[in-house]
PDB file of N, CA and C in Angstrom:
ATOM      1  N   MET A   1      -1.230  -5.899  -0.138  1.00  0.00           N
ATOM      2  CA  MET A   1      -0.106  -6.518   0.298  1.00  0.00           C
ATOM      3  C   MET A   1       1.045  -5.294   0.530  1.00  0.00           C
ATOM      4  N   TYR A   2       2.281  -5.412   0.991  1.00  0.00           N
ATOM      5  CA  TYR A   2       2.712  -4.179   1.846  1.00  0.00           C
ATOM      6  C   TYR A   2       4.102  -5.206   0.950  1.00  0.00           C
ATOM      7  N   ILE A   3       4.728  -3.696   0.078  1.00  0.00           N
ATOM      8  CA  ILE A   3       6.000  -3.782  -0.412  1.00  0.00           C
ATOM      9  C   ILE A   3       6.691  -2.565  -0.611  1.00  0.00           C
ATOM     10  N   THR A   4       8.041  -3.080   0.493  1.00  0.00           N
ATOM     11  CA  THR A   4       8.680  -2.024   1.086  1.00  0.00           C
ATOM     12  C   THR A   4       9.803  -1.398   0.120  1.00  0.00           C
ATOM     13  N   ARG A   5      10.926  -0.853  -0.025  1.00  0.00           N
ATOM     14  CA  ARG A   5      12.318  -0.776  -0.492  1.00  0.00           C
ATOM     15  C   ARG A   5      12.920  -1.404  -0.198  1.00  0.00           C
ATOM     16  N   HIS A   6      13.192  -2.338   0.699  1.00  0.00           N
ATOM     17  CA  HIS A   6      14.241  -2.949   0.787  1.00  0.00           C
ATOM     18  C   HIS A   6      13.613  -4.872   0.138  1.00  0.00           C
ATOM     19  N   MET A   7      12.711  -4.778  -0.631  1.00  0.00           N
ATOM     20  CA  MET A   7      12.093  -5.581  -1.651  1.00  0.00           C
ATOM     21  C   MET A   7      12.595  -5.220  -3.219  1.00  0.00           C
ATOM     22  N   LYS A   8      13.601  -4.077  -3.357  1.00  0.00           N
ATOM     23  CA  LYS A   8      13.929  -3.822  -4.205  1.00  0.00           C
ATOM     24  C   LYS A   8      14.558  -4.817  -5.518  1.00  0.00           C
ATOM     25  N   GLY A   9      13.659  -5.116  -6.682  1.00  0.00           N
ATOM     26  CA  GLY A   9      14.812  -6.073  -7.321  1.00  0.00           C
ATOM     27  C   GLY A   9      14.082  -6.934  -7.514  1.00  0.00           C
ATOM     28  N   ARG A  10      12.672  -7.472  -6.050  1.00  0.00           N
ATOM     29  CA  ARG A  10      12.454  -8.763  -6.334  1.00  0.00           C
ATOM     30  C   ARG A  10      10.952  -8.890  -6.386  1.00  0.00           C
ATOM     31  N   ILE A  11      10.262  -7.711  -6.727  1.00  0.00           N
ATOM     32  CA  ILE A  11       9.244  -7.139  -6.202  1.00  0.00           C
ATOM     33  C   ILE A  11       7.895  -8.168  -7.492  1.00  0.00           C
ATOM     34  N   ALA A  12       8.803  -9.010  -8.241  1.00  0.00           N
ATOM     35  CA  ALA A  12       7.596 -10.056  -8.694  1.00  0.00           C
ATOM     36  C   ALA A  12       7.557 -10.806  -8.436  1.00  0.00           C
ATOM     37  N   GLU A  13       8.946 -11.414  -7.634  1.00  0.00           N
ATOM     38  CA  GLU A  13       8.859 -12.593  -6.847  1.00  0.00           C
ATOM     39  C   GLU A  13       7.505 -12.319  -5.466  1.00  0.00           C
ATOM     40  N   VAL A  14       7.599 -10.932  -4.858  1.00  0.00           N
ATOM     41  CA  VAL A  14       7.270 -10.821  -3.946  1.00  0.00           C
ATOM     42  C   VAL A  14       5.423 -11.059  -4.554  1.00  0.00           C
ATOM     43  N   LEU A  15       5.039 -10.560  -5.602  1.00  0.00           N
ATOM     44  CA  LEU A  15       3.256 -10.160  -5.797  1.00  0.00           C
ATOM     45  C   LEU A  15       3.266 -11.631  -6.508  1.00  0.00           C
ATOM     46  N   ARG A  16       3.853 -12.604  -6.728  1.00  0.00           N
ATOM     47  CA  ARG A  16       3.698 -13.610  -7.086  1.00  0.00           C
ATOM     48  C   ARG A  16       2.936 -15.024  -5.824  1.00  0.00           C
ATOM     49  N   ASN A  17       3.414 -14.391  -4.742  1.00  0.00           N
ATOM     50  CA  ASN A  17       3.299 -14.566  -3.518  1.00  0.00           C
ATOM     51  C   ASN A  17       2.069 -14.620  -3.377  1.00  0.00           C
ATOM     52  N   TRP A  18       1.127 -13.354  -4.176  1.00  0.00           N
ATOM     53  CA  TRP A  18      -0.716 -13.446  -3.953  1.00  0.00           C
ATOM     54  C   TRP A  18      -1.173 -14.831  -4.045  1.00  0.00           C
ATOM     55  N   PRO A  19      -2.367 -15.021  -3.199  1.00  0.00           N
ATOM     56  CA  PRO A  19      -2.481 -17.075  -3.505  1.00  0.00           C
ATOM     57  C   PRO A  19      -3.657 -15.998  -4.616  1.00  0.00           C
ATOM     58  N   ALA A  20      -4.181 -15.254  -5.152  1.00  0.00           N
ATOM     59  CA  ALA A  20      -5.496 -15.554  -5.913  1.00  0.00           C
ATOM     60  C   ALA A  20      -4.431 -15.528  -7.296  1.00  0.00           C
ATOM     61  N   ARG A  21      -4.868 -16.034  -8.041  1.00  0.00           N
ATOM     62  CA  ARG A  21      -4.395 -16.355  -9.562  1.00  0.00           C
ATOM     63  C   ARG A  21      -5.067 -15.058 -10.494  1.00  0.00           C
ATOM     64  N   ASP A  22      -6.305 -14.529 -10.094  1.00  0.00           N
ATOM     65  CA  ASP A  22      -7.309 -13.563 -11.049  1.00  0.00           C
ATOM     66  C   ASP A  22      -7.801 -12.807 -10.632  1.00  0.00           C
ATOM     67  N   VAL A  23      -6.272 -11.901 -10.542  1.00  0.00           N
ATOM     68  CA  VAL A  23      -6.536 -10.391 -10.409  1.00  0.00           C
ATOM     69  C   VAL A  23      -6.860  -9.775 -11.523  1.00  0.00           C
ATOM     70  N   ARG A  24      -8.156  -9.025 -10.970  1.00  0.00           N
ATOM     71  CA  ARG A  24      -8.953  -8.393 -12.101  1.00  0.00           C
ATOM     72  C   ARG A  24      -8.236  -6.250 -11.730  1.00  0.00           C
ATOM     73  N   PHE A  25      -8.572  -6.188 -10.574  1.00  0.00           N
ATOM     74  CA  PHE A  25      -8.356  -4.969  -9.968  1.00  0.00           C
ATOM     75  C   PHE A  25      -7.218  -4.988  -9.167  1.00  0.00           C
ATOM     76  N   ILE A  26      -6.152  -3.758  -9.444  1.00  0.00           N
ATOM     77  CA  ILE A  26      -4.944  -3.805  -8.269  1.00  0.00           C
ATOM     78  C   ILE A  26      -5.328  -1.925  -7.569  1.00  0.00           C
ATOM     79  N   CYS A  27      -5.181  -2.064  -6.926  1.00  0.00           N
ATOM     80  CA  CYS A  27      -5.202  -0.610  -5.954  1.00  0.00           C
ATOM     81  C   CYS A  27      -3.925  -0.252  -5.242  1.00  0.00           C
ATOM     82  N   VAL A  28      -3.092   0.671  -5.921  1.00  0.00           N
ATOM     83  CA  VAL A  28      -1.355   0.996  -4.681  1.00  0.00           C
ATOM     84  C   VAL A  28      -1.831   2.469  -4.355  1.00  0.00           C
ATOM     85  N   SER A  29      -1.242   2.336  -3.722  1.00  0.00           N
ATOM     86  CA  SER A  29      -1.147   3.563  -2.375  1.00  0.00           C
ATOM     87  C   SER A  29       0.125   3.627  -1.975  1.00  0.00           C
ATOM     88  N   THR A  30       0.642   5.005  -1.693  1.00  0.00           N
ATOM     89  CA  THR A  30       2.028   4.909  -0.630  1.00  0.00           C
ATOM     90  C   THR A  30       1.318   5.273   0.602  1.00  0.00           C
ATOM     91  N   GLY A  31       0.119   5.780   0.969  1.00  0.00           N
ATOM     92  CA  GLY A  31      -0.423   5.790   2.120  1.00  0.00           C
ATOM     93  C   GLY A  31      -0.191   7.855   2.449  1.00  0.00           C
ATOM     94  N   GLY A  32       0.256   8.235   1.607  1.00  0.00           N
ATOM     95  CA  GLY A  32       0.532  10.103   1.271  1.00  0.00           C
ATOM     96  C   GLY A  32      -0.408  10.362   0.598  1.00  0.00           C
ATOM     97  N   ARG A  33      -0.815  11.585   1.132  1.00  0.00           N
ATOM     98  CA  ARG A  33      -1.605  12.892   0.995  1.00  0.00           C
ATOM     99  C   ARG A  33      -3.247  11.888   1.062  1.00  0.00           C
ATOM    100  N   ILE A  34      -2.927  11.368   1.807  1.00  0.00           N
ATOM    101  CA  ILE A  34      -4.407  10.601   1.684  1.00  0.00           C
ATOM    102  C   ILE A  34      -5.741  11.793   2.083  1.00  0.00           C
ATOM    103  N   LEU A  35      -6.327  12.022   1.532  1.00  0.00           N
ATOM    104  CA  LEU A  35      -7.258  13.247   1.835  1.00  0.00           C
ATOM    105  C   LEU A  35      -8.049  13.561   2.860  1.00  0.00           C
ATOM    106  N   GLY A  36      -7.827  14.407   3.228  1.00  0.00           N
ATOM    107  CA  GLY A  36      -8.474  14.858   4.819  1.00  0.00           C
ATOM    108  C   GLY A  36      -7.440  13.963   6.010  1.00  0.00           C
ATOM    109  N   LEU A  37      -6.588  13.147   5.426  1.00  0.00           N
ATOM    110  CA  LEU A  37      -5.563  12.236   6.558  1.00  0.00           C
ATOM    111  C   LEU A  37      -4.290  12.994   6.627  1.00  0.00           C
ATOM    112  N   GLY A  38      -3.958  13.686   5.258  1.00  0.00           N
ATOM    113  CA  GLY A  38      -2.665  13.742   5.246  1.00  0.00           C
ATOM    114  C   GLY A  38      -1.644  12.196   5.150  1.00  0.00           C
ATOM    115  N   ASP A  39      -0.363  11.897   5.257  1.00  0.00           N
ATOM    116  CA  ASP A  39       0.235  11.140   4.984  1.00  0.00           C
ATOM    117  C   ASP A  39       0.404  10.429   5.973  1.00  0.00           C
ATOM    118  N   ILE A  40      -0.394   9.186   6.013  1.00  0.00           N
ATOM    119  CA  ILE A  40      -0.343   8.197   7.287  1.00  0.00           C
ATOM    120  C   ILE A  40       0.246   7.445   6.782  1.00  0.00           C
ATOM    121  N   GLY A  41       1.319   6.667   5.519  1.00  0.00           N
ATOM    122  CA  GLY A  41       2.221   6.133   5.483  1.00  0.00           C
ATOM    123  C   GLY A  41       1.858   4.370   5.406  1.00  0.00           C
ATOM    124  N   ALA A  42       2.445   3.361   5.924  1.00  0.00           N
ATOM    125  CA  ALA A  42       1.916   1.995   6.251  1.00  0.00           C
ATOM    126  C   ALA A  42       0.046   2.001   6.564  1.00  0.00           C
ATOM    127  N   ASN A  43      -0.317   2.998   7.041  1.00  0.00           N
ATOM    128  CA  ASN A  43      -1.361   2.756   7.864  1.00  0.00           C
ATOM    129  C   ASN A  43      -2.597   2.947   6.619  1.00  0.00           C
ATOM    130  N   GLY A  44      -2.170   3.847   5.727  1.00  0.00           N
ATOM    131  CA  GLY A  44      -3.220   3.776   4.197  1.00  0.00           C
ATOM    132  C   GLY A  44      -3.580   2.310   4.074  1.00  0.00           C
ATOM    133  N   MET A  45      -3.210   1.545   3.584  1.00  0.00           N
ATOM    134  CA  MET A  45      -3.914   0.525   3.576  1.00  0.00           C
ATOM    135  C   MET A  45      -5.245   0.109   3.586  1.00  0.00           C
ATOM    136  N   ALA A  46      -5.888   0.708   4.512  1.00  0.00           N
ATOM    137  CA  ALA A  46      -7.293   1.045   4.797  1.00  0.00           C
ATOM    138  C   ALA A  46      -7.982   1.116   3.685  1.00  0.00           C
ATOM    139  N   ILE A  47      -7.457   2.340   3.438  1.00  0.00           N
ATOM    140  CA  ILE A  47      -7.798   3.231   1.889  1.00  0.00           C
ATOM    141  C   ILE A  47      -7.699   2.543   0.706  1.00  0.00           C
ATOM    142  N   ALA A  48      -6.600   1.823   0.414  1.00  0.00           N
ATOM    143  CA  ALA A  48      -6.623   1.320  -0.390  1.00  0.00           C
ATOM    144  C   ALA A  48      -7.628  -0.192  -0.288  1.00  0.00           C
ATOM    145  N   ILE A  49      -7.657  -0.961   0.814  1.00  0.00           N
ATOM    146  CA  ILE A  49      -9.050  -1.719   0.928  1.00  0.00           C
ATOM    147  C   ILE A  49     -10.432  -1.380   0.092  1.00  0.00           C
ATOM    148  N   GLY A  50     -10.647  -0.689   1.457  1.00  0.00           N
ATOM    149  CA  GLY A  50     -11.853   0.799   0.577  1.00  0.00           C
ATOM    150  C   GLY A  50     -12.357   0.851  -0.471  1.00  0.00           C
ATOM    151  N   LYS A  51     -10.781   1.077  -1.003  1.00  0.00           N
ATOM    152  CA  LYS A  51     -11.407   1.376  -2.536  1.00  0.00           C
ATOM    153  C   LYS A  51     -12.166   0.167  -3.361  1.00  0.00           C
ATOM    154  N   LEU A  52     -11.204  -1.090  -3.201  1.00  0.00           N
ATOM    155  CA  LEU A  52     -11.295  -1.806  -3.599  1.00  0.00           C
ATOM    156  C   LEU A  52     -13.282  -2.795  -3.912  1.00  0.00           C
ATOM    157  N   GLN A  53     -13.262  -2.508  -2.537  1.00  0.00           N
ATOM    158  CA  GLN A  53     -14.500  -2.935  -1.929  1.00  0.00           C
ATOM    159  C   GLN A  53     -15.830  -2.294  -2.844  1.00  0.00           C
ATOM    160  N   ILE A  54     -15.840  -0.680  -3.169  1.00  0.00           N
ATOM    161  CA  ILE A  54     -16.369  -0.258  -3.855  1.00  0.00           C
ATOM    162  C   ILE A  54     -16.857  -0.931  -4.860  1.00  0.00           C
ATOM    163  N   TYR A  55     -15.726  -1.675  -5.590  1.00  0.00           N
ATOM    164  CA  TYR A  55     -16.194  -1.947  -6.787  1.00  0.00           C
ATOM    165  C   TYR A  55     -16.561  -3.648  -7.166  1.00  0.00           C
ATOM    166  N   THR A  56     -16.333  -3.995  -5.571  1.00  0.00           N
ATOM    167  CA  THR A  56     -17.162  -5.535  -5.119  1.00  0.00           C
ATOM    168  C   THR A  56     -18.872  -5.028  -4.993  1.00  0.00           C
ATOM    169  N   ALA A  57     -19.054  -3.854  -4.065  1.00  0.00           N
ATOM    170  CA  ALA A  57     -20.095  -3.405  -3.766  1.00  0.00           C
ATOM    171  C   ALA A  57     -20.987  -2.723  -4.858  1.00  0.00           C
ATOM    172  N   CYS A  58     -20.495  -1.605  -5.856  1.00  0.00           N
ATOM    173  CA  CYS A  58     -20.952  -1.268  -7.134  1.00  0.00           C
ATOM    174  C   CYS A  58     -20.945  -1.978  -8.693  1.00  0.00           C
ATOM    175  N   ALA A  59     -20.522  -2.352  -9.089  1.00  0.00           N
ATOM    176  CA  ALA A  59     -20.085  -3.859  -9.865  1.00  0.00           C
ATOM    177  C   ALA A  59     -19.548  -5.343  -9.737  1.00  0.00           C
ATOM    178  N   ALA A  60     -20.278  -5.683  -8.145  1.00  0.00           N
ATOM    179  CA  ALA A  60     -20.180  -7.026  -8.398  1.00  0.00           C
ATOM    180  C   ALA A  60     -18.918  -7.490  -8.341  1.00  0.00           C
ATOM    181  N   VAL A  61     -18.078  -6.899  -8.793  1.00  0.00           N
ATOM    182  CA  VAL A  61     -16.283  -7.847  -8.492  1.00  0.00           C
ATOM    183  C   VAL A  61     -16.513  -8.886  -7.365  1.00  0.00           C
ATOM    184  N   PRO A  62     -15.586 -10.252  -7.619  1.00  0.00           N
ATOM    185  CA  PRO A  62     -15.586 -10.704  -6.284  1.00  0.00           C
ATOM    186  C   PRO A  62     -14.272  -9.935  -6.184  1.00  0.00           C
ATOM    187  N   PRO A  63     -14.393 -10.317  -4.431  1.00  0.00           N
ATOM    188  CA  PRO A  63     -13.525  -9.655  -3.715  1.00  0.00           C
ATOM    189  C   PRO A  63     -11.997 -10.796  -3.652  1.00  0.00           C
ATOM    190  N   GLU A  64     -12.095 -11.559  -4.211  1.00  0.00           N
ATOM    191  CA  GLU A  64     -10.847 -12.735  -4.522  1.00  0.00           C
ATOM    192  C   GLU A  64      -9.995 -12.187  -5.719  1.00  0.00           C
ATOM    193  N   CYS A  65     -10.437 -11.204  -6.044  1.00  0.00           N
ATOM    194  CA  CYS A  65     -10.392 -11.004  -7.513  1.00  0.00           C
ATOM    195  C   CYS A  65      -9.120  -9.397  -7.578  1.00  0.00           C
ATOM    196  N   MET A  66      -9.292  -8.895  -6.664  1.00  0.00           N
ATOM    197  CA  MET A  66      -8.481  -8.245  -6.002  1.00  0.00           C
ATOM    198  C   MET A  66      -7.089  -7.941  -5.377  1.00  0.00           C
ATOM    199  N   LEU A  67      -6.079  -6.899  -5.843  1.00  0.00           N
ATOM    200  CA  LEU A  67      -5.192  -6.906  -4.726  1.00  0.00           C
ATOM    201  C   LEU A  67      -5.366  -5.356  -4.105  1.00  0.00           C
ATOM    202  N   PRO A  68      -4.780  -5.543  -3.038  1.00  0.00           N
ATOM    203  CA  PRO A  68      -4.917  -4.034  -2.505  1.00  0.00           C
ATOM    204  C   PRO A  68      -3.211  -4.146  -2.576  1.00  0.00           C
ATOM    205  N   VAL A  69      -2.328  -2.571  -3.106  1.00  0.00           N
ATOM    206  CA  VAL A  69      -0.722  -2.590  -2.594  1.00  0.00           C
ATOM    207  C   VAL A  69      -0.626  -1.811  -2.074  1.00  0.00           C
ATOM    208  N   LEU A  70       0.386  -1.672  -1.209  1.00  0.00           N
ATOM    209  CA  LEU A  70       0.467  -0.463   0.105  1.00  0.00           C
ATOM    210  C   LEU A  70       1.929  -0.009  -0.404  1.00  0.00           C
ATOM    211  N   LEU A  71       2.816   0.585  -1.029  1.00  0.00           N
ATOM    212  CA  LEU A  71       4.363   0.917  -1.375  1.00  0.00           C
ATOM    213  C   LEU A  71       4.733   1.578   0.236  1.00  0.00           C
ATOM    214  N   ASP A  72       5.029   0.819   0.467  1.00  0.00           N
ATOM    215  CA  ASP A  72       5.540   0.916   1.964  1.00  0.00           C
ATOM    216  C   ASP A  72       6.836   2.107   2.168  1.00  0.00           C
ATOM    217  N   ILE A  73       7.247   3.634   2.018  1.00  0.00           N
ATOM    218  CA  ILE A  73       8.423   3.439   1.295  1.00  0.00           C
ATOM    219  C   ILE A  73       8.395   5.154   2.217  1.00  0.00           C
ATOM    220  N   GLY A  74       8.026   4.889   3.759  1.00  0.00           N
ATOM    221  CA  GLY A  74       8.709   5.943   4.530  1.00  0.00           C
ATOM    222  C   GLY A  74       7.462   6.770   5.084  1.00  0.00           C
ATOM    223  N   THR A  75       7.418   7.728   5.479  1.00  0.00           N
ATOM    224  CA  THR A  75       6.381   8.715   5.777  1.00  0.00           C
ATOM    225  C   THR A  75       6.651  10.170   6.162  1.00  0.00           C
ATOM    226  N   THR A  76       6.106  11.040   5.476  1.00  0.00           N
ATOM    227  CA  THR A  76       6.524  12.197   6.455  1.00  0.00           C
ATOM    228  C   THR A  76       5.983  13.088   7.146  1.00  0.00           C
ATOM    229  N   ASN A  77       4.947  12.546   8.068  1.00  0.00           N
ATOM    230  CA  ASN A  77       4.448  12.891   9.330  1.00  0.00           C
ATOM    231  C   ASN A  77       5.787  11.812  10.275  1.00  0.00           C
ATOM    232  N   ALA A  78       6.106  12.831  10.938  1.00  0.00           N
ATOM    233  CA  ALA A  78       7.118  12.549  12.108  1.00  0.00           C
ATOM    234  C   ALA A  78       6.444  12.071  13.440  1.00  0.00           C
ATOM    235  N   VAL A  79       5.139  12.456  13.533  1.00  0.00           N
ATOM    236  CA  VAL A  79       4.443  11.652  14.849  1.00  0.00           C
ATOM    237  C   VAL A  79       4.620  10.144  14.720  1.00  0.00           C
ATOM    238  N   LEU A  80       4.427   9.716  13.376  1.00  0.00           N
ATOM    239  CA  LEU A  80       4.186   8.291  12.609  1.00  0.00           C
ATOM    240  C   LEU A  80       5.280   7.592  12.701  1.00  0.00           C
ATOM    241  N   ARG A  81       6.165   8.043  12.455  1.00  0.00           N
ATOM    242  CA  ARG A  81       7.868   7.048  12.099  1.00  0.00           C
ATOM    243  C   ARG A  81       8.014   6.917  13.467  1.00  0.00           C
ATOM    244  N   PRO A  82       7.582   6.763  14.991  1.00  0.00           N
ATOM    245  CA  PRO A  82       8.572   6.745  15.843  1.00  0.00           C
ATOM    246  C   PRO A  82       7.222   5.010  16.447  1.00  0.00           C
ATOM    247  N   THR A  83       5.991   5.410  15.707  1.00  0.00           N
ATOM    248  CA  THR A  83       5.173   4.166  16.310  1.00  0.00           C
ATOM    249  C   THR A  83       4.930   3.531  15.500  1.00  0.00           C
ATOM    250  N   ARG A  84       5.158   3.205  14.490  1.00  0.00           N
ATOM    251  CA  ARG A  84       4.739   2.315  13.048  1.00  0.00           C
ATOM    252  C   ARG A  84       4.683   0.566  13.350  1.00  0.00           C
ATOM    253  N   PHE A  85       3.858  -0.032  13.965  1.00  0.00           N
ATOM    254  CA  PHE A  85       4.647  -1.115  14.313  1.00  0.00           C
ATOM    255  C   PHE A  85       3.990  -2.586  12.997  1.00  0.00           C
ATOM    256  N   ILE A  86       3.149  -1.507  11.844  1.00  0.00           N
ATOM    257  CA  ILE A  86       3.101  -2.629  10.704  1.00  0.00           C
ATOM    258  C   ILE A  86       4.569  -2.429   9.877  1.00  0.00           C
ATOM    259  N   SER A  87       5.154  -2.045   9.576  1.00  0.00           N
ATOM    260  CA  SER A  87       6.674  -1.788   8.626  1.00  0.00           C
ATOM    261  C   SER A  87       7.788  -1.541   8.706  1.00  0.00           C
ATOM    262  N   ASP A  88       8.226  -2.321   8.341  1.00  0.00           N
ATOM    263  CA  ASP A  88      10.362  -2.570   9.139  1.00  0.00           C
ATOM    264  C   ASP A  88      10.649  -1.072   8.470  1.00  0.00           C
ATOM    265  N   CYS A  89      10.158  -0.158   7.693  1.00  0.00           N
ATOM    266  CA  CYS A  89      10.665   1.144   6.965  1.00  0.00           C
ATOM    267  C   CYS A  89       9.750   2.897   7.518  1.00  0.00           C
ATOM    268  N   VAL A  90      11.066   3.149   8.913  1.00  0.00           N
ATOM    269  CA  VAL A  90      10.713   3.698   9.772  1.00  0.00           C
ATOM    270  C   VAL A  90      10.951   4.962   9.347  1.00  0.00           C
ATOM    271  N   SER A  91      11.562   4.802   7.898  1.00  0.00           N
ATOM    272  CA  SER A  91      12.579   6.494   7.435  1.00  0.00           C
ATOM    273  C   SER A  91      11.536   7.555   6.825  1.00  0.00           C
ATOM    274  N   ARG A  92      11.782   8.389   6.868  1.00  0.00           N
ATOM    275  CA  ARG A  92      12.052   9.820   6.031  1.00  0.00           C
ATOM    276  C   ARG A  92      11.008   9.438   4.844  1.00  0.00           C
ATOM    277  N   ARG A  93      10.550   9.280   4.496  1.00  0.00           N
ATOM    278  CA  ARG A  93       9.909   9.688   2.637  1.00  0.00           C
ATOM    279  C   ARG A  93      10.834  10.357   2.113  1.00  0.00           C
ATOM    280  N   PRO A  94      10.994   9.555   0.568  1.00  0.00           N
ATOM    281  CA  PRO A  94      11.738  10.034  -0.285  1.00  0.00           C
ATOM    282  C   PRO A  94      11.910  11.239  -1.355  1.00  0.00           C
ATOM    283  N   ARG A  95      12.463  12.019  -0.898  1.00  0.00           N
ATOM    284  CA  ARG A  95      11.111  13.391  -2.325  1.00  0.00           C
ATOM    285  C   ARG A  95      11.572  12.867  -3.416  1.00  0.00           C
ATOM    286  N   SER A  96      10.490  13.615  -4.305  1.00  0.00           N
ATOM    287  CA  SER A  96      10.966  13.212  -5.346  1.00  0.00           C
ATOM    288  C   SER A  96      12.290  12.996  -6.333  1.00  0.00           C
ATOM    289  N   GLY A  97      12.154  12.629  -7.239  1.00  0.00           N
ATOM    290  CA  GLY A  97      13.668  12.218  -7.826  1.00  0.00           C
ATOM    291  C   GLY A  97      14.660  12.018  -7.491  1.00  0.00           C
ATOM    292  N   THR A  98      14.124  11.172  -6.268  1.00  0.00           N
ATOM    293  CA  THR A  98      15.181  10.769  -5.471  1.00  0.00           C
ATOM    294  C   THR A  98      14.858   8.919  -5.675  1.00  0.00           C
ATOM    295  N   ARG A  99      15.521   7.644  -5.146  1.00  0.00           N
ATOM    296  CA  ARG A  99      15.316   6.131  -5.092  1.00  0.00           C
ATOM    297  C   ARG A  99      16.247   6.007  -3.921  1.00  0.00           C
TER     298      ARG A  99
END
C-alpha cells in the first residue's frame, strides 16, 4: 500500500481499504537509506515486501496477514524524480523537522 502526503488527514480511511482484516505484521518504509541502494523512493516497495516474505519463510506467518506500506514522501535522488511512474509525489523529500 502506498501512502502519499496528499492522503494527510485520511490515512485511517486509506488503511481500511486493505482487503485483509487479520493483519499481524506491517513493514513501513519511505524507500530512503536502503542499504547499498540509497534513496530509491517509491521504488522501495519491493524491500518492504521482501522483509515480510522472510516472516512467511521463517516463521510460517501467512502472507495474507501482512501489510507492506510505503510512505511516498518524495526522494532526494534527483535522477529518479523526473522518471517516477508509480507515484504522484515526485517532489524532493522533506528534511527532518518539516511537515
